[in-house]
Amino acid sequence: MSRVMSSPYMQWAKQRSASRYNLATSGMVSYPLSGLPVKLEDLDPLTRPGAYGYSLLQESLAVHCGVPSESVVAAAGTSMANYLAMAAILEPGDEVLVEHPTYELLLAVLSHLQANIRRFPRRAAAKFAIEPEEIERAMTPRTRLIVITNLHNPSSAYMQEQTVREIGEIAQRAGARVLVDEVYLEAAFDMMPRSAYLLGPEFVTTNSLTKVYGLAGLRCGWILAEPELARRIWMLNDLFDVNMAHPAERLSVIALRNLDRVRARSRELLDTNRPLLNQFLASRSDLESSPLEYGTVTFPKLLTGSVDRFCELFREKYEGTVVPGSFFEMPGHFRIGIACDSERLAQSLERLGTALDEFAQR
């Protein structure tokens, strides 16, 4: 009998995360199509000849990332990009070192690929920063891949380029690669470091236009890898895609050519919303959390009581959702997303505070 794999987090996200006061969404609120200079004829033709990538999109992504086009593999969002990259690198039984906590879907994919998963900690007491010596201690001669996120999901912790370089040196000495999921990285704006891919051939990175830009509907994701590996990934993707939906490819080219205006809208919204969140966090003695500096999510700890029970109260009585920390293997925490309309964020945080007050009295 074949194995049936699933992601508990994705099941919850698709079936239970939606609410009137939704603080569970990690990506930017949807960017309006009217905000892009699109005409109906821009989507013609609806199909294109078979090829490994749409040339205009390949060129646009290469310019955006500052890499040669042969190092770019287009993919249907970051989740598919992560799957393809890991599947092309790993054989069943290969050892993979993964940060803790991390995005649940990364672990689900590695389990599906029959990897031997080992962990290293990102400690809450250190604001979830990566300490390279923790990685070095966890490495074994069998380690083939290190998997990290930058910005960190679920905390938005920012990793300096020097730290990324040190991780690359550890991997290089062991003959391993480093996969860096950078889907939130561009939310660092002026502080955004270069993609880790530019630091050496041991790095493979994934990204998309989803989380930071509110363009999830385009499913425009990509992988940056050295050209030989990139070719292997394209070949592997033949098992899943003939071509991506061509109207989405064409819209993605238009979005990339106009990304400055999309980025400005995201930055303005986060610059407004971050102080609202930080003011809320500073007012709560029942939560432990550092102020949010970058990104779209934060990961506070509830100091007393069950997070799962609190989430039930918040949903059932207050029509709100946050992501339970159990999906990130830290059941005492929960994740808050702030990339929504500012007025709705203020209302949602107010209801979250009221729910926390009631929960404390139980």
Foldseek 3Di string as FASTA:
>chain_A
DDDDFDAPVVVCVVPPQDWLLGQADFAFAADDPVVFPDDPCLCPPQDDDFDQDDVLLLVLVCVVQVHDSLQKHKDLAQLRVLLLLDLLQDAAAQEEEEEAQAQLSNVRSCVVRNYHYDYFYQDVVVLRADDLVSVLVRDDLRHAEYEAEACGPPARNHYDPVSLLSNVVSQVVSNHAYEYEDAFQCQLPVPRDRDSVVNDQSYKYKYACIGQQNPSVLSTIMMGHPNVSSVSSSVVCVVPDRDDRSSSSSVSSSCSVVVVVSNVVSNVQCVLQQVLVQVLVVVDPQWDFDRDDGGFKRKIFGNDDWPVVLQVQCCPPVRYHWAACVSSVPRRITMGGRSYHRVSNNVSSVSSVVSVVVVVVD
